């Protein structure tokens, strides 16, 4: 059983909702990434999404765009990201790490090289925002063969055909984007989320994480009533941005602990 499957099985047996957290690798600087990953786990994160910096992150709002820009100033690229995962694995062998990003860096090194490097580093899966599931059967099969989960986004506008394709190709969990638009935007309508998840679950048997627009404990707790996990990214990046120099790790740990406490209340 993969780390992701094990994590969700443990959450279910303990009647808990998962907390999936996102940071951009290399932000606010290269030396901060691994300490931030550990701080997220210490705060109560169950799964880590580690963003691969990219110059044109089309699904991201201004907060994560700025994080990418800061990381790219240090020339942090996909091979550095593999290195961060390797470092993290020295002392943490249990928390799943999902690489999240865009097709361009993968295409540049080749999908086979990406899969081999991700597996060797100790990653558990990938979310590739601009890889449509209809074109990913071969890539998904290669990921599965390497013990990696290919995770797809679903949106309020996803058709039944798209949902069925994600059910066919996807692994680990499905990521439901609760809002139309980019990361960090808008307010969540939890009733609408519940309706969409019910429709998605007719096809998708994987756990479902809900993200985009979850900014505090109250929102996270409301979403947790209908989702298997909540996903928080932009709000964590804001904690990093607003922290005093040298204070990002403590700020992120404290914020994550607050969300965990709200989910467990």
C-alpha atoms as a PDB file:
ATOM      1  CA  UNK A   1       0.000   0.000   0.000  1.00  0.00           C
ATOM      2  CA  UNK A   2       1.359   3.436  -0.938  1.00  0.00           C
ATOM      3  CA  UNK A   3       2.076   6.116   1.664  1.00  0.00           C
ATOM      4  CA  UNK A   4      -0.913   8.106   0.392  1.00  0.00           C
ATOM      5  CA  UNK A   5      -3.278   5.115   0.622  1.00  0.00           C
ATOM      6  CA  UNK A   6      -1.922   4.249   4.069  1.00  0.00           C
ATOM      7  CA  UNK A   7      -2.399   7.824   5.251  1.00  0.00           C
ATOM      8  CA  UNK A   8      -6.024   7.971   4.141  1.00  0.00           C
ATOM      9  CA  UNK A   9      -6.731   4.524   5.598  1.00  0.00           C
ATOM     10  CA  UNK A  10      -5.332   5.649   8.963  1.00  0.00           C
ATOM     11  CA  UNK A  11      -7.346   8.879   8.836  1.00  0.00           C
ATOM     12  CA  UNK A  12     -10.528   6.957   8.097  1.00  0.00           C
ATOM     13  CA  UNK A  13      -9.950   4.459  10.905  1.00  0.00           C
ATOM     14  CA  UNK A  14      -9.450   7.371  13.318  1.00  0.00           C
ATOM     15  CA  UNK A  15     -12.469   9.262  11.942  1.00  0.00           C
ATOM     16  CA  UNK A  16     -10.271  12.231  10.993  1.00  0.00           C
ATOM     17  CA  UNK A  17     -10.147  14.558   7.997  1.00  0.00           C
ATOM     18  CA  UNK A  18      -6.813  14.845   6.226  1.00  0.00           C
ATOM     19  CA  UNK A  19      -4.841  18.071   6.039  1.00  0.00           C
ATOM     20  CA  UNK A  20      -2.932  18.544   2.797  1.00  0.00           C
ATOM     21  CA  UNK A  21      -0.587  21.540   2.742  1.00  0.00           C
ATOM     22  CA  UNK A  22       1.231  23.268  -0.112  1.00  0.00           C
ATOM     23  CA  UNK A  23       4.436  25.268  -0.257  1.00  0.00           C
ATOM     24  CA  UNK A  24       6.587  26.243  -3.230  1.00  0.00           C
ATOM     25  CA  UNK A  25      10.042  24.670  -3.219  1.00  0.00           C
ATOM     26  CA  UNK A  26      12.745  27.299  -2.830  1.00  0.00           C
ATOM     27  CA  UNK A  27      10.479  29.922  -1.238  1.00  0.00           C
ATOM     28  CA  UNK A  28      11.422  32.110   0.591  1.00  0.00           C
ATOM     29  CA  UNK A  29      14.892  30.695  -0.054  1.00  0.00           C
ATOM     30  CA  UNK A  30      16.462  27.324  -0.900  1.00  0.00           C
ATOM     31  CA  UNK A  31      17.547  26.575   2.678  1.00  0.00           C
ATOM     32  CA  UNK A  32      14.021  27.064   4.028  1.00  0.00           C
ATOM     33  CA  UNK A  33      12.248  24.325   2.090  1.00  0.00           C
ATOM     34  CA  UNK A  34      13.091  21.217   4.117  1.00  0.00           C
ATOM     35  CA  UNK A  35      12.642  22.953   7.515  1.00  0.00           C
ATOM     36  CA  UNK A  36       9.249  24.206   6.298  1.00  0.00           C
ATOM     37  CA  UNK A  37       8.270  20.684   5.223  1.00  0.00           C
ATOM     38  CA  UNK A  38       9.086  19.379   8.694  1.00  0.00           C
ATOM     39  CA  UNK A  39       7.259  22.311  10.323  1.00  0.00           C
ATOM     40  CA  UNK A  40       4.108  21.470   8.359  1.00  0.00           C
ATOM     41  CA  UNK A  41       4.234  17.883   9.619  1.00  0.00           C
ATOM     42  CA  UNK A  42       4.896  19.045  13.171  1.00  0.00           C
ATOM     43  CA  UNK A  43       1.853  21.313  12.874  1.00  0.00           C
ATOM     44  CA  UNK A  44      -0.345  18.399  11.851  1.00  0.00           C
ATOM     45  CA  UNK A  45      -0.197  18.123   8.049  1.00  0.00           C
ATOM     46  CA  UNK A  46      -0.911  14.623   6.758  1.00  0.00           C
ATOM     47  CA  UNK A  47       0.261  15.053   3.151  1.00  0.00           C
ATOM     48  CA  UNK A  48       2.690  17.603   1.718  1.00  0.00           C
ATOM     49  CA  UNK A  49       2.340  19.156  -1.725  1.00  0.00           C
ATOM     50  CA  UNK A  50       5.666  20.583  -2.853  1.00  0.00           C
ATOM     51  CA  UNK A  51       5.358  23.041  -5.703  1.00  0.00           C
ATOM     52  CA  UNK A  52       7.867  22.914  -8.552  1.00  0.00           C
ATOM     53  CA  UNK A  53       8.692  26.562  -9.385  1.00  0.00           C
ATOM     54  CA  UNK A  54       7.568  27.588 -12.858  1.00  0.00           C
ATOM     55  CA  UNK A  55       7.584  30.907 -14.683  1.00  0.00           C
ATOM     56  CA  UNK A  56       4.001  30.652 -15.968  1.00  0.00           C
ATOM     57  CA  UNK A  57       1.885  29.037 -13.229  1.00  0.00           C
ATOM     58  CA  UNK A  58      -1.441  29.534 -14.990  1.00  0.00           C
ATOM     59  CA  UNK A  59      -3.706  28.123 -12.265  1.00  0.00           C
ATOM     60  CA  UNK A  60      -2.153  30.178  -9.503  1.00  0.00           C
ATOM     61  CA  UNK A  61      -3.268  33.473  -8.045  1.00  0.00           C
ATOM     62  CA  UNK A  62      -0.860  36.287  -7.175  1.00  0.00           C
ATOM     63  CA  UNK A  63       0.268  34.761  -3.865  1.00  0.00           C
ATOM     64  CA  UNK A  64       1.676  31.533  -5.336  1.00  0.00           C
ATOM     65  CA  UNK A  65       2.892  33.418  -8.421  1.00  0.00           C
ATOM     66  CA  UNK A  66       5.050  35.533  -6.098  1.00  0.00           C
ATOM     67  CA  UNK A  67       6.332  32.374  -4.394  1.00  0.00           C
ATOM     68  CA  UNK A  68       7.390  30.994  -7.781  1.00  0.00           C
ATOM     69  CA  UNK A  69       9.123  34.266  -8.630  1.00  0.00           C
ATOM     70  CA  UNK A  70      11.056  34.253  -5.355  1.00  0.00           C
ATOM     71  CA  UNK A  71      12.153  30.642  -5.878  1.00  0.00           C
ATOM     72  CA  UNK A  72      13.167  31.255  -9.493  1.00  0.00           C
ATOM     73  CA  UNK A  73      15.403  34.143  -8.393  1.00  0.00           C
ATOM     74  CA  UNK A  74      17.464  31.449  -6.671  1.00  0.00           C
ATOM     75  CA  UNK A  75      17.334  29.326  -9.857  1.00  0.00           C
ATOM     76  CA  UNK A  76      15.465  26.567  -8.019  1.00  0.00           C
ATOM     77  CA  UNK A  77      14.422  23.948 -10.554  1.00  0.00           C
ATOM     78  CA  UNK A  78      13.013  20.469 -10.691  1.00  0.00           C
ATOM     79  CA  UNK A  79      16.286  18.734  -9.792  1.00  0.00           C
ATOM     80  CA  UNK A  80      16.546  20.884  -6.662  1.00  0.00           C
ATOM     81  CA  UNK A  81      13.012  19.780  -5.769  1.00  0.00           C
ATOM     82  CA  UNK A  82      14.062  16.125  -5.944  1.00  0.00           C
ATOM     83  CA  UNK A  83      16.951  17.036  -3.636  1.00  0.00           C
ATOM     84  CA  UNK A  84      14.611  18.589  -1.054  1.00  0.00           C
ATOM     85  CA  UNK A  85      12.512  15.424  -1.006  1.00  0.00           C
ATOM     86  CA  UNK A  86      15.643  13.311  -0.492  1.00  0.00           C
ATOM     87  CA  UNK A  87      16.679  15.525   2.435  1.00  0.00           C
ATOM     88  CA  UNK A  88      13.217  15.336   3.967  1.00  0.00           C
ATOM     89  CA  UNK A  89      13.246  11.543   3.724  1.00  0.00           C
ATOM     90  CA  UNK A  90      16.420  11.315   5.832  1.00  0.00           C
ATOM     91  CA  UNK A  91      14.298  11.828   8.959  1.00  0.00           C
ATOM     92  CA  UNK A  92      10.712  11.335   7.726  1.00  0.00           C
ATOM     93  CA  UNK A  93       9.833   8.092   5.981  1.00  0.00           C
ATOM     94  CA  UNK A  94       6.075   8.207   6.534  1.00  0.00           C
ATOM     95  CA  UNK A  95       4.545  11.530   5.377  1.00  0.00           C
ATOM     96  CA  UNK A  96       3.513  11.448   1.704  1.00  0.00           C
ATOM     97  CA  UNK A  97       5.065  14.087  -0.552  1.00  0.00           C
ATOM     98  CA  UNK A  98       3.291  15.028  -3.776  1.00  0.00           C
ATOM     99  CA  UNK A  99       5.112  17.101  -6.391  1.00  0.00           C
ATOM    100  CA  UNK A 100       2.809  19.744  -7.845  1.00  0.00           C
ATOM    101  CA  UNK A 101       3.460  21.782 -10.938  1.00  0.00           C
ATOM    102  CA  UNK A 102       3.199  22.064 -14.683  1.00  0.00           C
ATOM    103  CA  UNK A 103       4.066  19.995 -17.723  1.00  0.00           C
ATOM    104  CA  UNK A 104       6.980  22.088 -18.985  1.00  0.00           C
ATOM    105  CA  UNK A 105       9.637  21.015 -16.420  1.00  0.00           C
ATOM    106  CA  UNK A 106       8.618  17.369 -16.847  1.00  0.00           C
ATOM    107  CA  UNK A 107       8.690  17.582 -20.631  1.00  0.00           C
ATOM    108  CA  UNK A 108      12.143  19.179 -20.513  1.00  0.00           C
ATOM    109  CA  UNK A 109      13.710  16.257 -18.672  1.00  0.00           C
ATOM    110  CA  UNK A 110      11.366  13.619 -20.120  1.00  0.00           C
ATOM    111  CA  UNK A 111       8.593  11.754 -18.363  1.00  0.00           C
ATOM    112  CA  UNK A 112      10.672   8.602 -17.796  1.00  0.00           C
ATOM    113  CA  UNK A 113      13.472  10.625 -16.180  1.00  0.00           C
ATOM    114  CA  UNK A 114      10.939  12.494 -14.043  1.00  0.00           C
ATOM    115  CA  UNK A 115       9.361   9.272 -12.794  1.00  0.00           C
ATOM    116  CA  UNK A 116      12.725   7.671 -12.040  1.00  0.00           C
ATOM    117  CA  UNK A 117      14.005  10.730 -10.183  1.00  0.00           C
ATOM    118  CA  UNK A 118      10.773  11.219  -8.222  1.00  0.00           C
ATOM    119  CA  UNK A 119      10.788   7.575  -7.178  1.00  0.00           C
ATOM    120  CA  UNK A 120      14.476   7.632  -6.201  1.00  0.00           C
ATOM    121  CA  UNK A 121      14.007  10.806  -4.164  1.00  0.00           C
ATOM    122  CA  UNK A 122      11.145   9.313  -2.164  1.00  0.00           C
ATOM    123  CA  UNK A 123       8.205  11.230  -3.615  1.00  0.00           C
ATOM    124  CA  UNK A 124       4.800   9.589  -3.618  1.00  0.00           C
ATOM    125  CA  UNK A 125       2.976  11.175  -6.532  1.00  0.00           C
ATOM    126  CA  UNK A 126       2.453  14.204  -8.722  1.00  0.00           C
ATOM    127  CA  UNK A 127      -0.183  16.717  -9.678  1.00  0.00           C
ATOM    128  CA  UNK A 128       0.502  18.115 -13.143  1.00  0.00           C
ATOM    129  CA  UNK A 129      -2.000  20.922 -13.592  1.00  0.00           C
ATOM    130  CA  UNK A 130      -1.924  21.013 -17.396  1.00  0.00           C
ATOM    131  CA  UNK A 131      -1.825  17.264 -18.091  1.00  0.00           C
ATOM    132  CA  UNK A 132      -5.391  16.343 -19.129  1.00  0.00           C
ATOM    133  CA  UNK A 133      -6.406  12.861 -17.955  1.00  0.00           C
ATOM    134  CA  UNK A 134      -7.556  11.957 -21.477  1.00  0.00           C
ATOM    135  CA  UNK A 135      -3.909  12.111 -22.598  1.00  0.00           C
ATOM    136  CA  UNK A 136      -2.323  10.524 -19.526  1.00  0.00           C
ATOM    137  CA  UNK A 137      -3.097   6.818 -19.670  1.00  0.00           C
ATOM    138  CA  UNK A 138       0.463   5.878 -20.645  1.00  0.00           C
ATOM    139  CA  UNK A 139       2.056   8.325 -18.180  1.00  0.00           C
ATOM    140  CA  UNK A 140      -0.325   7.212 -15.440  1.00  0.00           C
ATOM    141  CA  UNK A 141       0.508   3.562 -16.056  1.00  0.00           C
ATOM    142  CA  UNK A 142       4.242   4.317 -15.861  1.00  0.00           C
ATOM    143  CA  UNK A 143       3.688   6.239 -12.617  1.00  0.00           C
ATOM    144  CA  UNK A 144       1.737   3.332 -11.108  1.00  0.00           C
ATOM    145  CA  UNK A 145       4.438   0.879 -12.140  1.00  0.00           C
ATOM    146  CA  UNK A 146       6.938   3.008 -10.211  1.00  0.00           C
ATOM    147  CA  UNK A 147       4.665   3.095  -7.154  1.00  0.00           C
ATOM    148  CA  UNK A 148       3.697   6.739  -7.709  1.00  0.00           C
ATOM    149  CA  UNK A 149       0.196   8.217  -7.752  1.00  0.00           C
ATOM    150  CA  UNK A 150      -0.915  10.578 -10.512  1.00  0.00           C
ATOM    151  CA  UNK A 151      -3.427  12.953  -8.950  1.00  0.00           C
ATOM    152  CA  UNK A 152      -5.863  15.031 -10.986  1.00  0.00           C
ATOM    153  CA  UNK A 153      -7.832  18.188 -10.407  1.00  0.00           C
ATOM    154  CA  UNK A 154     -11.589  18.278 -10.758  1.00  0.00           C
ATOM    155  CA  UNK A 155     -13.551  21.524 -10.924  1.00  0.00           C
ATOM    156  CA  UNK A 156     -17.155  22.757 -10.573  1.00  0.00           C
ATOM    157  CA  UNK A 157     -17.273  22.714 -14.376  1.00  0.00           C
ATOM    158  CA  UNK A 158     -15.889  19.188 -14.861  1.00  0.00           C
ATOM    159  CA  UNK A 159     -18.103  17.090 -17.112  1.00  0.00           C
ATOM    160  CA  UNK A 160     -19.222  13.569 -16.277  1.00  0.00           C
ATOM    161  CA  UNK A 161     -16.867  12.294 -18.994  1.00  0.00           C
ATOM    162  CA  UNK A 162     -13.904  14.090 -17.404  1.00  0.00           C
ATOM    163  CA  UNK A 163     -14.795  12.754 -13.962  1.00  0.00           C
ATOM    164  CA  UNK A 164     -14.995   9.213 -15.355  1.00  0.00           C
ATOM    165  CA  UNK A 165     -11.584   9.616 -17.016  1.00  0.00           C
ATOM    166  CA  UNK A 166     -10.036  10.827 -13.761  1.00  0.00           C
ATOM    167  CA  UNK A 167     -11.537   7.784 -12.044  1.00  0.00           C
ATOM    168  CA  UNK A 168      -9.880   5.599 -14.673  1.00  0.00           C
ATOM    169  CA  UNK A 169      -6.402   7.141 -14.688  1.00  0.00           C
ATOM    170  CA  UNK A 170      -5.963   8.852 -11.321  1.00  0.00           C
ATOM    171  CA  UNK A 171      -4.438   7.513  -8.131  1.00  0.00           C
ATOM    172  CA  UNK A 172      -3.887   8.491  -4.517  1.00  0.00           C
ATOM    173  CA  UNK A 173      -6.699  10.978  -4.145  1.00  0.00           C
ATOM    174  CA  UNK A 174      -8.633  13.406  -6.316  1.00  0.00           C
ATOM    175  CA  UNK A 175      -8.270  17.136  -5.781  1.00  0.00           C
ATOM    176  CA  UNK A 176     -11.543  19.025  -6.093  1.00  0.00           C
ATOM    177  CA  UNK A 177     -11.072  22.715  -6.918  1.00  0.00           C
ATOM    178  CA  UNK A 178     -13.951  24.294  -5.038  1.00  0.00           C
ATOM    179  CA  UNK A 179     -13.966  27.585  -6.976  1.00  0.00           C
ATOM    180  CA  UNK A 180     -13.907  28.756 -10.555  1.00  0.00           C
ATOM    181  CA  UNK A 181     -10.708  30.744 -10.939  1.00  0.00           C
ATOM    182  CA  UNK A 182      -7.165  30.670  -9.604  1.00  0.00           C
ATOM    183  CA  UNK A 183      -5.713  29.630  -6.243  1.00  0.00           C
ATOM    184  CA  UNK A 184      -6.429  31.889  -3.308  1.00  0.00           C
ATOM    185  CA  UNK A 185      -9.608  33.392  -4.758  1.00  0.00           C
ATOM    186  CA  UNK A 186     -13.146  33.757  -3.484  1.00  0.00           C
ATOM    187  CA  UNK A 187     -15.245  32.195  -0.754  1.00  0.00           C
ATOM    188  CA  UNK A 188     -16.363  28.570  -0.666  1.00  0.00           C
ATOM    189  CA  UNK A 189     -20.024  27.597  -0.874  1.00  0.00           C
ATOM    190  CA  UNK A 190     -19.914  24.402   1.183  1.00  0.00           C
ATOM    191  CA  UNK A 191     -23.411  23.307   0.144  1.00  0.00           C
ATOM    192  CA  UNK A 192     -22.391  23.499  -3.499  1.00  0.00           C
ATOM    193  CA  UNK A 193     -19.187  21.594  -2.711  1.00  0.00           C
ATOM    194  CA  UNK A 194     -21.220  18.849  -1.022  1.00  0.00           C
ATOM    195  CA  UNK A 195     -23.473  18.496  -4.062  1.00  0.00           C
ATOM    196  CA  UNK A 196     -20.538  18.259  -6.462  1.00  0.00           C
ATOM    197  CA  UNK A 197     -18.666  15.750  -4.319  1.00  0.00           C
ATOM    198  CA  UNK A 198     -21.727  13.513  -4.204  1.00  0.00           C
ATOM    199  CA  UNK A 199     -21.822  13.529  -8.017  1.00  0.00           C
ATOM    200  CA  UNK A 200     -18.061  12.929  -8.284  1.00  0.00           C
ATOM    201  CA  UNK A 201     -18.209   9.998  -5.861  1.00  0.00           C
ATOM    202  CA  UNK A 202     -20.551   8.172  -8.214  1.00  0.00           C
ATOM    203  CA  UNK A 203     -17.470   7.656 -10.408  1.00  0.00           C
ATOM    204  CA  UNK A 204     -14.386   8.335  -8.285  1.00  0.00           C
ATOM    205  CA  UNK A 205     -13.736   5.875  -5.463  1.00  0.00           C
ATOM    206  CA  UNK A 206     -10.522   7.557  -4.308  1.00  0.00           C
ATOM    207  CA  UNK A 207     -10.517   9.927  -1.325  1.00  0.00           C
ATOM    208  CA  UNK A 208     -11.306  13.520  -2.301  1.00  0.00           C
ATOM    209  CA  UNK A 209      -9.409  16.559  -1.066  1.00  0.00           C
ATOM    210  CA  UNK A 210     -10.961  20.003  -1.447  1.00  0.00           C
ATOM    211  CA  UNK A 211      -8.844  23.098  -2.003  1.00  0.00           C
ATOM    212  CA  UNK A 212      -8.814  26.686  -3.319  1.00  0.00           C
ATOM    213  CA  UNK A 213     -10.300  29.241  -0.937  1.00  0.00           C
ATOM    214  CA  UNK A 214      -9.686  27.508   2.424  1.00  0.00           C
ATOM    215  CA  UNK A 215      -8.122  30.227   4.534  1.00  0.00           C
ATOM    216  CA  UNK A 216      -8.902  29.545   8.194  1.00  0.00           C
ATOM    217  CA  UNK A 217     -10.032  26.974  10.707  1.00  0.00           C
ATOM    218  CA  UNK A 218     -13.719  27.741  10.310  1.00  0.00           C
ATOM    219  CA  UNK A 219     -13.655  27.209   6.538  1.00  0.00           C
ATOM    220  CA  UNK A 220     -11.540  24.093   6.909  1.00  0.00           C
ATOM    221  CA  UNK A 221     -13.945  22.632   9.478  1.00  0.00           C
ATOM    222  CA  UNK A 222     -16.966  23.346   7.265  1.00  0.00           C
ATOM    223  CA  UNK A 223     -15.341  21.658   4.253  1.00  0.00           C
ATOM    224  CA  UNK A 224     -14.199  18.735   6.411  1.00  0.00           C
ATOM    225  CA  UNK A 225     -17.829  17.732   6.918  1.00  0.00           C
ATOM    226  CA  UNK A 226     -18.050  16.664   3.254  1.00  0.00           C
ATOM    227  CA  UNK A 227     -14.436  16.023   2.159  1.00  0.00           C
ATOM    228  CA  UNK A 228     -11.826  13.407   2.997  1.00  0.00           C
ATOM    229  CA  UNK A 229      -9.158  16.120   3.201  1.00  0.00           C
ATOM    230  CA  UNK A 230      -8.796  19.871   3.031  1.00  0.00           C
ATOM    231  CA  UNK A 231      -6.010  21.425   0.964  1.00  0.00           C
ATOM    232  CA  UNK A 232      -4.404  24.742   1.952  1.00  0.00           C
ATOM    233  CA  UNK A 233      -1.759  26.548  -0.086  1.00  0.00           C
ATOM    234  CA  UNK A 234      -2.044  30.300  -0.643  1.00  0.00           C
ATOM    235  CA  UNK A 235      -2.793  31.031   3.010  1.00  0.00           C
ATOM    236  CA  UNK A 236       0.384  29.191   4.061  1.00  0.00           C
ATOM    237  CA  UNK A 237       2.418  31.158   1.521  1.00  0.00           C
ATOM    238  CA  UNK A 238       0.999  34.346   3.053  1.00  0.00           C
ATOM    239  CA  UNK A 239       2.241  33.203   6.460  1.00  0.00           C
ATOM    240  CA  UNK A 240       5.697  32.822   4.929  1.00  0.00           C
ATOM    241  CA  UNK A 241       5.483  36.270   3.309  1.00  0.00           C
ATOM    242  CA  UNK A 242       4.311  37.989   6.479  1.00  0.00           C
ATOM    243  CA  UNK A 243       6.727  36.319   8.878  1.00  0.00           C
ATOM    244  CA  UNK A 244       9.675  38.325  10.214  1.00  0.00           C
ATOM    245  CA  UNK A 245      13.079  37.377   8.864  1.00  0.00           C
ATOM    246  CA  UNK A 246      13.923  33.902  10.109  1.00  0.00           C
ATOM    247  CA  UNK A 247      10.401  33.384  11.442  1.00  0.00           C
ATOM    248  CA  UNK A 248       8.722  31.540   8.554  1.00  0.00           C
ATOM    249  CA  UNK A 249       9.178  28.055  10.010  1.00  0.00           C
ATOM    250  CA  UNK A 250       7.583  28.955  13.344  1.00  0.00           C
ATOM    251  CA  UNK A 251       4.765  30.872  11.637  1.00  0.00           C
ATOM    252  CA  UNK A 252       3.927  27.974   9.341  1.00  0.00           C
ATOM    253  CA  UNK A 253       4.045  25.428  12.166  1.00  0.00           C
ATOM    254  CA  UNK A 254       1.731  27.564  14.306  1.00  0.00           C
ATOM    255  CA  UNK A 255      -0.744  28.243  11.495  1.00  0.00           C
ATOM    256  CA  UNK A 256      -0.898  24.562  10.533  1.00  0.00           C
ATOM    257  CA  UNK A 257      -1.468  23.564  14.155  1.00  0.00           C
ATOM    258  CA  UNK A 258      -4.434  25.947  14.287  1.00  0.00           C
ATOM    259  CA  UNK A 259      -6.022  24.336  11.225  1.00  0.00           C
ATOM    260  CA  UNK A 260      -5.369  20.859  12.615  1.00  0.00           C
ATOM    261  CA  UNK A 261      -7.011  21.811  15.907  1.00  0.00           C
ATOM    262  CA  UNK A 262     -10.085  23.143  14.064  1.00  0.00           C
ATOM    263  CA  UNK A 263     -10.382  19.937  12.024  1.00  0.00           C
ATOM    264  CA  UNK A 264     -10.075  17.771  15.127  1.00  0.00           C
ATOM    265  CA  UNK A 265     -12.422  19.821  17.323  1.00  0.00           C
END
